[in-house]
Amino acid sequence: MNYQLKTLKNGLRLVTIPLPVKSVTIEISVDAGSRYETKENSGLSHFLEHMFFKGTKKRPTARDLATEVDSFGGVINAATSKEDTSFYVKAAAEHLPQAIDILVDILINSKFERKEIEKEKGVIIEEINMHEDTPMVKIGEIFDSLLYRDSSLGREISGKKENIRKIQRRDFLKYLSHFYQPERIVVAIAGGCESAGKTTESLLNDSFASQAKSPIREEFTFFQNKSQLKVHYKKTEQAHFCLGVPAFKRIHQDRYVLSVLATILGGSMSSRLFEEVRGKRGLAYYVRTETECFHETGYLVTQAGTDINKIDEAIKVVLAEYYKVQSSKFKVQSEELKKAKEFLKGRLILDLEDSHAVASLFGSSLLLEGRIRTPEEMIKGVEKVTPADIQRVAKKLFLPENLNLAIIGPYKKPEKFEKILD
């Protein structure tokens, strides 16, 4: 896939990816997420993301911003993760200049009015409440806290309510001066981007200027020598659990092996776990295996929602499949491996039809890895994976001392789950 990459005079990186579509997406990604927060200000990155939509001098209110985007049928949104925050507008290609102007305006000229900050505190607290009342979401946060303990990687992206209530305007301005600097920003424009020329470069170069020395990332040192369990008591009709193991950092040489392994285990409706947990035994409505990779660490995890009286069996089935995939008797055969590869390649190809997905793909790899991983490179990486690779990585990951089990449900005695892990 063809693209053009430029580093502007201010240090900001701009990548344009032309596509034969009538839509265009501009996404601005910043190397700033919840992992850069302290325990005292956790939730600030996500709160700041909200505040960018509350008004600028040019677009004084949130309604003014929404009305303008609606006027050309566009979509505007943002997301905060543990390692980055991204903002995008997707629209018909003819509206690209207006879309760029909107994103630059909210990132550079947001007012952060105190009355809006106080109002938005209530919104974010309700978002936190929603997470608390949605076990399918909450269980992932509990698993992260189990695996990464009290580090920034183990804390919720949305923060704690008590922190949100304390955040003031000066906190946003200080955070902006540290993290929202051009050398930490990538702009990706994908789709019908013919109009993204010198004018766009000038706007981005002139708008973003360095204000202070950029902070250095604090590296997380992971160590685990025994299985870990965390049970979150909640009176529910359905139990949810995450069972996972520490895995690889984002640029690890086995990253593609890990993706294929997760797909074989629980990445599709024909995967081993979907068939065993749901298809054969009817233990869960949903079961899936996913991977998460950060700068220096990562994990593989299986998540499921199951009958509160059958959770023991469901956990045991997942464990059994973890151990099977590394054994000679149940090792991955060529046909199963081919299916998993084609699944991953097919989903990637489907994403390439969407300008937003392409902008995110190119922008995030450039921001978080320092280079662009093209779709062609990803496909080659997947194609190289062999059955021996799967077995080798499975043997490395699926050890009793590597297991981490997080549970939400009406359970006051964790002993029975400890016995399963042991």
Protein backbone atom coordinates (compact mmCIF):
# COMPACT_ATOMS: atom_id res chain seq x y z
CA MET A 1 0.00 0.00 0.00
CA ASN A 2 1.46 3.36 -1.03
CA TYR A 3 1.93 6.16 1.49
CA GLN A 4 3.92 9.34 1.97
CA LEU A 5 5.65 10.16 5.26
CA LYS A 6 7.00 13.57 6.18
CA THR A 7 8.53 14.98 9.33
CA LEU A 8 7.66 18.66 9.55
CA LYS A 9 10.01 21.36 10.82
CA ASN A 10 8.41 21.30 14.26
CA GLY A 11 8.97 17.53 14.60
CA LEU A 12 5.38 16.45 13.94
CA ARG A 13 5.05 13.44 11.63
CA LEU A 14 2.50 13.43 8.82
CA VAL A 15 1.58 10.32 6.87
CA THR A 16 -0.88 10.34 3.96
CA ILE A 17 -2.34 7.16 2.50
CA PRO A 18 -4.38 7.65 -0.69
CA LEU A 19 -7.24 5.19 -1.20
CA PRO A 20 -9.72 4.80 -4.08
CA VAL A 21 -12.67 5.89 -1.90
CA LYS A 22 -14.81 9.00 -1.61
CA SER A 23 -14.33 9.36 2.13
CA VAL A 24 -11.35 10.66 4.06
CA THR A 25 -10.24 10.34 7.67
CA ILE A 26 -7.80 12.55 9.48
CA GLU A 27 -6.60 11.13 12.77
CA ILE A 28 -4.30 12.94 15.17
CA SER A 29 -2.60 10.63 17.66
CA VAL A 30 -0.63 11.75 20.68
CA ASP A 31 1.95 9.77 22.63
CA ALA A 32 0.05 10.40 25.86
CA GLY A 33 -2.16 7.95 27.73
CA SER A 34 -3.00 6.73 31.19
CA ARG A 35 0.35 5.00 31.70
CA TYR A 36 1.96 8.45 31.94
CA GLU A 37 -0.17 9.41 34.93
CA THR A 38 0.60 9.14 38.64
CA LYS A 39 -1.65 7.48 41.17
CA GLU A 40 -2.78 10.94 42.28
CA ASN A 41 -3.83 12.24 38.85
CA SER A 42 -4.98 8.99 37.21
CA GLY A 43 -7.87 9.66 34.84
CA LEU A 44 -6.45 13.00 33.67
CA SER A 45 -5.62 11.83 30.11
CA HIS A 46 -9.17 10.59 29.55
CA PHE A 47 -10.73 13.67 31.19
CA LEU A 48 -8.63 15.91 28.93
CA GLU A 49 -9.88 14.02 25.88
CA HIS A 50 -13.44 14.92 26.90
CA MET A 51 -12.60 18.58 27.43
CA PHE A 52 -11.31 19.06 23.89
CA PHE A 53 -14.92 18.86 22.72
CA LYS A 54 -16.26 21.60 25.01
CA GLY A 55 -15.53 24.69 22.99
CA THR A 56 -12.89 26.93 21.41
CA LYS A 57 -12.82 30.62 20.57
CA LYS A 58 -13.87 29.81 17.02
CA ARG A 59 -16.44 27.20 18.05
CA PRO A 60 -17.52 28.43 21.50
CA THR A 61 -19.65 25.48 22.63
CA ALA A 62 -19.90 21.73 22.25
CA ARG A 63 -23.09 22.29 20.29
CA ASP A 64 -21.31 24.59 17.83
CA LEU A 65 -18.74 21.87 17.18
CA ALA A 66 -21.33 19.12 16.79
CA THR A 67 -23.51 21.27 14.53
CA GLU A 68 -20.61 22.02 12.19
CA VAL A 69 -19.61 18.36 11.88
CA ASP A 70 -23.25 17.39 11.32
CA SER A 71 -23.55 20.03 8.61
CA PHE A 72 -21.30 18.02 6.30
CA GLY A 73 -22.36 14.56 7.51
CA GLY A 74 -19.07 13.88 9.26
CA VAL A 75 -18.16 11.77 12.25
CA ILE A 76 -15.92 13.07 15.03
CA ASN A 77 -14.68 11.07 17.98
CA ALA A 78 -11.71 10.34 20.22
CA ALA A 79 -10.30 7.57 22.37
CA THR A 80 -7.82 7.30 25.22
CA SER A 81 -5.77 4.17 25.76
CA LYS A 82 -2.94 3.38 28.15
CA GLU A 83 -0.28 4.53 25.69
CA ASP A 84 -1.91 7.08 23.40
CA THR A 85 -4.87 9.36 22.76
CA SER A 86 -6.35 9.80 19.30
CA PHE A 87 -8.84 12.18 17.69
CA TYR A 88 -10.40 11.80 14.28
CA VAL A 89 -12.88 13.19 11.81
CA LYS A 90 -14.24 11.07 8.98
CA ALA A 91 -16.08 12.80 6.17
CA ALA A 92 -16.59 13.02 2.43
CA ALA A 93 -13.22 13.78 0.83
CA GLU A 94 -14.28 17.26 -0.28
CA HIS A 95 -14.54 18.32 3.37
CA LEU A 96 -10.97 17.41 4.33
CA PRO A 97 -9.78 21.04 4.81
CA GLN A 98 -12.67 21.72 7.19
CA ALA A 99 -12.05 18.47 9.07
CA ILE A 100 -8.38 19.34 9.57
CA ASP A 101 -9.28 22.82 10.75
CA ILE A 102 -11.69 21.40 13.33
CA LEU A 103 -9.18 18.95 14.83
CA VAL A 104 -6.36 21.47 14.97
CA ASP A 105 -8.70 24.03 16.52
CA ILE A 106 -9.86 21.79 19.38
CA LEU A 107 -6.33 20.60 20.18
CA ILE A 108 -4.78 24.08 20.11
CA ASN A 109 -7.55 26.48 21.12
CA SER A 110 -9.80 24.67 23.59
CA LYS A 111 -10.91 27.01 26.37
CA PHE A 112 -11.14 24.57 29.30
CA GLU A 113 -13.72 26.73 31.02
CA ARG A 114 -14.10 25.96 34.72
CA LYS A 115 -17.87 25.61 34.52
CA GLU A 116 -17.50 23.05 31.72
CA ILE A 117 -14.88 21.16 33.70
CA GLU A 118 -17.24 20.90 36.67
CA LYS A 119 -20.10 19.70 34.46
CA GLU A 120 -17.93 17.11 32.75
CA LYS A 121 -16.86 15.65 36.07
CA GLY A 122 -20.40 14.36 36.45
CA VAL A 123 -20.32 12.85 32.96
CA ILE A 124 -17.07 10.99 33.61
CA ILE A 125 -18.21 9.75 37.02
CA GLU A 126 -21.30 8.31 35.31
CA GLU A 127 -19.02 6.68 32.75
CA ILE A 128 -17.09 5.09 35.61
CA ASN A 129 -20.39 3.95 37.14
CA MET A 130 -21.35 2.41 33.80
CA HIS A 131 -18.11 0.41 33.76
CA GLU A 132 -18.76 -0.75 37.31
CA ASP A 133 -22.22 -1.95 36.30
CA THR A 134 -21.00 -3.65 33.11
CA PRO A 135 -19.10 -6.78 34.16
CA MET A 136 -18.06 -7.55 30.56
CA VAL A 137 -16.08 -4.28 30.63
CA LYS A 138 -15.08 -4.23 34.29
CA ILE A 139 -13.49 -7.68 34.23
CA GLY A 140 -10.80 -6.43 31.84
CA GLU A 141 -9.87 -3.64 34.25
CA ILE A 142 -9.67 -6.13 37.12
CA PHE A 143 -7.43 -8.41 35.08
CA ASP A 144 -5.07 -5.52 34.29
CA SER A 145 -4.88 -4.59 37.97
CA LEU A 146 -4.10 -8.21 38.85
CA LEU A 147 -1.36 -8.54 36.25
CA TYR A 148 0.26 -5.11 36.57
CA ARG A 149 -0.64 -4.46 40.21
CA ASP A 150 -0.27 -0.85 41.36
CA SER A 151 1.63 0.41 38.32
CA SER A 152 0.09 2.86 35.84
CA LEU A 153 -0.56 -0.07 33.48
CA GLY A 154 -2.70 -1.66 36.17
CA ARG A 155 -4.95 1.35 36.77
CA GLU A 156 -8.25 2.14 35.05
CA ILE A 157 -7.99 4.54 32.11
CA SER A 158 -11.00 6.52 33.35
CA GLY A 159 -9.44 6.95 36.80
CA LYS A 160 -10.99 6.98 40.26
CA LYS A 161 -13.97 9.14 41.18
CA GLU A 162 -12.06 10.90 43.95
CA ASN A 163 -9.36 11.91 41.47
CA ILE A 164 -11.85 13.19 38.92
CA ARG A 165 -13.50 15.42 41.53
CA LYS A 166 -10.13 17.04 42.35
CA ILE A 167 -8.91 17.84 38.82
CA GLN A 168 -8.69 21.55 37.99
CA ARG A 169 -8.00 23.66 34.91
CA ARG A 170 -4.33 24.08 35.81
CA ASP A 171 -3.90 20.28 35.74
CA PHE A 172 -5.00 20.17 32.10
CA LEU A 173 -2.70 23.03 31.10
CA LYS A 174 0.29 21.43 32.80
CA TYR A 175 -0.40 18.06 31.17
CA LEU A 176 -0.77 19.72 27.76
CA SER A 177 2.56 21.51 28.06
CA HIS A 178 4.31 18.23 28.86
CA PHE A 179 2.72 15.78 26.45
CA TYR A 180 0.91 17.54 23.58
CA GLN A 181 4.07 18.52 21.77
CA PRO A 182 4.75 18.05 18.05
CA GLU A 183 7.46 15.41 18.45
CA ARG A 184 4.87 13.27 20.28
CA ILE A 185 2.19 13.71 17.59
CA VAL A 186 1.41 11.78 14.43
CA VAL A 187 -1.18 12.92 11.90
CA ALA A 188 -2.52 10.27 9.53
CA ILE A 189 -4.77 11.13 6.58
CA ALA A 190 -6.27 8.22 4.65
CA GLY A 191 -8.73 8.04 1.78
CA GLY A 192 -9.38 10.76 -0.75
CA CYS A 193 -6.56 12.96 0.50
CA GLU A 194 -5.50 14.72 -2.70
CA SER A 195 -6.25 18.10 -1.11
CA ALA A 196 -3.87 17.44 1.80
CA GLY A 197 -0.98 19.44 0.36
CA LYS A 198 1.28 22.28 1.40
CA THR A 199 -1.58 24.13 3.09
CA THR A 200 -2.15 21.22 5.45
CA GLU A 201 1.57 20.95 6.22
CA SER A 202 1.79 24.67 6.95
CA LEU A 203 -1.22 24.57 9.27
CA LEU A 204 0.17 21.63 11.24
CA ASN A 205 3.67 23.08 11.37
CA ASP A 206 2.51 26.53 12.51
CA SER A 207 -0.10 25.31 15.00
CA PHE A 208 1.94 22.86 17.05
CA ALA A 209 5.04 24.23 18.73
CA SER A 210 7.28 22.77 21.44
CA GLN A 211 6.69 24.33 24.86
CA ALA A 212 8.74 22.21 27.25
CA LYS A 213 11.02 19.23 27.45
CA SER A 214 9.11 16.04 26.75
CA PRO A 215 8.99 13.59 29.69
CA ILE A 216 10.67 10.19 29.50
CA ARG A 217 8.55 7.07 29.68
CA GLU A 218 8.85 5.08 32.90
CA GLU A 219 9.53 1.45 31.94
CA PHE A 220 7.53 -1.27 33.64
CA THR A 221 9.51 -4.26 34.91
CA PHE A 222 7.30 -7.34 35.01
CA PHE A 223 7.99 -10.31 37.25
CA GLN A 224 5.76 -13.26 38.15
CA ASN A 225 6.79 -16.55 39.75
CA LYS A 226 3.41 -17.96 40.84
CA SER A 227 -0.21 -17.96 39.72
CA GLN A 228 -2.40 -15.03 40.77
CA LEU A 229 -6.11 -14.76 41.56
CA LYS A 230 -8.45 -11.82 42.10
CA VAL A 231 -12.15 -12.29 42.84
CA HIS A 232 -14.40 -9.22 42.71
CA TYR A 233 -17.61 -9.90 44.59
CA LYS A 234 -20.74 -8.74 42.81
CA LYS A 235 -24.24 -10.15 43.00
CA THR A 236 -24.82 -11.05 39.36
CA GLU A 237 -26.80 -13.53 37.31
CA GLN A 238 -23.77 -14.30 35.15
CA ALA A 239 -20.13 -14.69 36.13
CA HIS A 240 -17.31 -13.21 34.05
CA PHE A 241 -13.68 -14.22 34.12
CA CYS A 242 -10.38 -13.45 32.46
CA LEU A 243 -7.69 -16.13 32.41
CA GLY A 244 -4.41 -15.03 30.91
CA VAL A 245 -0.64 -15.08 30.91
CA PRO A 246 2.07 -12.46 30.44
CA ALA A 247 3.32 -12.35 26.86
CA PHE A 248 5.37 -10.09 24.58
CA LYS A 249 6.07 -6.42 24.04
CA ARG A 250 4.74 -4.70 20.94
CA ILE A 251 7.79 -5.17 18.70
CA HIS A 252 8.69 -8.69 19.83
CA GLN A 253 9.87 -11.08 17.11
CA ASP A 254 7.03 -13.50 17.98
CA ARG A 255 4.25 -10.93 17.70
CA TYR A 256 2.69 -12.67 14.70
CA VAL A 257 2.98 -16.09 16.30
CA LEU A 258 1.10 -14.69 19.30
CA SER A 259 -1.68 -13.32 17.08
CA VAL A 260 -2.13 -16.61 15.28
CA LEU A 261 -2.09 -18.52 18.58
CA ALA A 262 -4.82 -16.28 20.04
CA THR A 263 -6.89 -16.75 16.88
CA ILE A 264 -6.60 -20.53 17.07
CA LEU A 265 -7.62 -20.52 20.73
CA GLY A 266 -10.48 -18.05 20.75
CA GLY A 267 -10.34 -15.55 17.91
CA SER A 268 -13.30 -16.72 15.88
CA MET A 269 -16.56 -18.70 16.00
CA SER A 270 -14.72 -21.79 14.77
CA SER A 271 -11.86 -21.49 17.26
CA ARG A 272 -10.99 -24.21 19.76
CA LEU A 273 -12.42 -22.43 22.78
CA PHE A 274 -15.61 -21.27 21.08
CA GLU A 275 -16.28 -24.84 20.04
CA GLU A 276 -15.38 -26.39 23.40
CA VAL A 277 -16.84 -23.82 25.80
CA ARG A 278 -19.94 -22.76 23.90
CA GLY A 279 -20.53 -25.26 21.10
CA LYS A 280 -20.02 -28.56 22.90
CA ARG A 281 -20.78 -27.69 26.52
CA GLY A 282 -23.02 -24.61 26.39
CA LEU A 283 -21.08 -23.01 29.24
CA ALA A 284 -20.95 -19.44 27.92
CA TYR A 285 -22.63 -17.07 25.52
CA TYR A 286 -19.37 -15.41 24.64
CA VAL A 287 -15.77 -16.56 24.88
CA ARG A 288 -12.82 -14.92 23.19
CA THR A 289 -9.04 -14.84 23.31
CA GLU A 290 -7.16 -11.61 22.66
CA THR A 291 -3.71 -10.12 23.00
CA GLU A 292 -2.57 -6.77 24.35
CA CYS A 293 0.90 -5.39 23.73
CA PHE A 294 2.63 -2.37 25.24
CA HIS A 295 6.10 -0.87 24.79
CA GLU A 296 7.83 -3.33 27.10
CA THR A 297 5.29 -6.01 28.03
CA GLY A 298 2.00 -7.61 27.02
CA TYR A 299 -0.38 -10.48 27.63
CA LEU A 300 -2.68 -13.09 26.12
CA VAL A 301 -6.07 -13.47 27.80
CA THR A 302 -9.29 -15.44 27.40
CA GLN A 303 -12.49 -13.80 28.59
CA ALA A 304 -15.90 -15.44 29.02
CA GLY A 305 -19.31 -14.90 30.59
CA THR A 306 -20.75 -18.06 32.12
CA ASP A 307 -23.40 -19.50 34.42
CA ILE A 308 -22.42 -18.73 38.02
CA ASN A 309 -22.74 -22.45 38.85
CA LYS A 310 -20.63 -23.60 35.91
CA ILE A 311 -17.71 -21.20 36.10
CA ASP A 312 -15.42 -23.90 37.52
CA GLU A 313 -15.97 -26.10 34.49
CA ALA A 314 -15.52 -23.23 32.06
CA ILE A 315 -12.19 -22.22 33.63
CA LYS A 316 -10.99 -25.83 33.54
CA VAL A 317 -11.87 -26.12 29.84
CA VAL A 318 -9.89 -22.97 29.02
CA LEU A 319 -6.93 -24.27 31.00
CA ALA A 320 -7.13 -27.60 29.21
CA GLU A 321 -7.03 -25.90 25.82
CA TYR A 322 -4.05 -23.81 26.89
CA TYR A 323 -2.14 -26.97 27.73
CA LYS A 324 -3.37 -28.93 24.71
CA VAL A 325 -2.05 -26.44 22.19
CA GLN A 326 1.49 -26.98 23.43
CA SER A 327 1.33 -30.78 23.45
CA SER A 328 2.39 -33.09 20.62
CA LYS A 329 -0.91 -34.98 20.74
CA PHE A 330 -3.10 -31.91 20.18
CA LYS A 331 -0.65 -29.63 18.39
CA VAL A 332 -1.87 -27.37 15.61
CA GLN A 333 -2.18 -29.06 12.24
CA SER A 334 -1.56 -27.39 8.90
CA GLU A 335 -5.26 -27.02 8.03
CA GLU A 336 -6.11 -25.35 11.35
CA LEU A 337 -3.10 -23.06 11.01
CA LYS A 338 -4.09 -22.10 7.47
CA LYS A 339 -7.61 -21.23 8.62
CA ALA A 340 -6.31 -18.97 11.40
CA LYS A 341 -3.93 -17.21 9.03
CA GLU A 342 -6.63 -16.62 6.43
CA PHE A 343 -8.92 -15.29 9.17
CA LEU A 344 -6.35 -12.69 10.26
CA LYS A 345 -5.47 -11.74 6.70
CA GLY A 346 -9.14 -11.49 5.73
CA ARG A 347 -10.00 -9.20 8.65
CA LEU A 348 -7.04 -6.98 7.80
CA ILE A 349 -8.14 -6.73 4.16
CA LEU A 350 -11.67 -5.80 5.24
CA ASP A 351 -10.23 -3.02 7.42
CA LEU A 352 -8.33 -1.63 4.45
CA GLU A 353 -11.64 -0.69 2.83
CA ASP A 354 -12.31 1.83 5.61
CA SER A 355 -10.39 5.11 5.63
CA HIS A 356 -10.62 5.39 9.41
CA ALA A 357 -9.20 1.90 9.96
CA VAL A 358 -6.32 2.65 7.58
CA ALA A 359 -5.52 5.99 9.24
CA SER A 360 -5.49 4.27 12.65
CA LEU A 361 -3.34 1.40 11.38
CA PHE A 362 -0.64 3.62 9.92
CA GLY A 363 -0.82 6.32 12.58
CA SER A 364 -0.65 4.01 15.60
CA SER A 365 2.26 1.96 14.27
CA LEU A 366 4.25 5.11 13.51
CA LEU A 367 3.46 6.66 16.89
CA LEU A 368 3.95 3.60 19.09
CA GLU A 369 6.67 1.76 17.18
CA GLY A 370 8.55 4.59 15.52
CA ARG A 371 7.99 3.09 12.06
CA ILE A 372 5.15 2.13 9.76
CA ARG A 373 4.18 -1.51 9.55
CA THR A 374 2.41 -1.84 6.23
CA PRO A 375 -0.41 -4.34 5.62
CA GLU A 376 1.93 -6.21 3.27
CA GLU A 377 4.47 -6.61 6.09
CA MET A 378 1.77 -7.82 8.47
CA ILE A 379 0.52 -10.41 6.01
CA LYS A 380 4.04 -11.70 5.42
CA GLY A 381 4.58 -11.95 9.16
CA VAL A 382 1.41 -14.01 9.59
CA GLU A 383 2.22 -16.25 6.63
CA LYS A 384 5.63 -17.18 8.08
CA VAL A 385 4.15 -18.71 11.25
CA THR A 386 4.60 -22.49 11.45
CA PRO A 387 3.04 -25.20 13.68
CA ALA A 388 6.40 -25.45 15.43
CA ASP A 389 6.27 -21.71 16.21
CA ILE A 390 2.83 -22.09 17.78
CA GLN A 391 3.94 -24.99 19.94
CA ARG A 392 7.17 -23.24 20.97
CA VAL A 393 5.40 -20.04 22.06
CA ALA A 394 2.60 -21.98 23.78
CA LYS A 395 5.16 -23.92 25.82
CA LYS A 396 6.82 -20.66 26.80
CA LEU A 397 3.61 -18.92 27.85
CA PHE A 398 1.31 -21.55 29.32
CA LEU A 399 3.08 -22.45 32.53
CA PRO A 400 1.27 -22.88 35.87
CA GLU A 401 3.27 -20.06 37.46
CA ASN A 402 2.25 -17.67 34.65
CA LEU A 403 -1.51 -17.99 35.16
CA ASN A 404 -3.62 -14.98 36.16
CA LEU A 405 -7.33 -15.39 36.90
CA ALA A 406 -9.72 -12.48 37.50
CA ILE A 407 -13.38 -13.12 38.33
CA ILE A 408 -16.56 -11.08 38.81
CA GLY A 409 -19.45 -12.87 40.45
CA PRO A 410 -21.28 -13.74 43.69
CA TYR A 411 -18.32 -15.55 45.21
CA LYS A 412 -17.12 -14.82 48.74
CA LYS A 413 -14.71 -17.74 49.05
CA PRO A 414 -11.86 -17.80 46.50
CA GLU A 415 -10.43 -21.10 47.71
CA LYS A 416 -12.10 -23.25 45.04
CA PHE A 417 -10.58 -21.10 42.31
CA GLU A 418 -7.16 -21.31 43.90
CA LYS A 419 -7.44 -25.11 43.71
CA ILE A 420 -8.20 -24.92 39.98
CA LEU A 421 -5.06 -22.87 39.36
CA ASP A 422 -2.97 -25.16 41.54
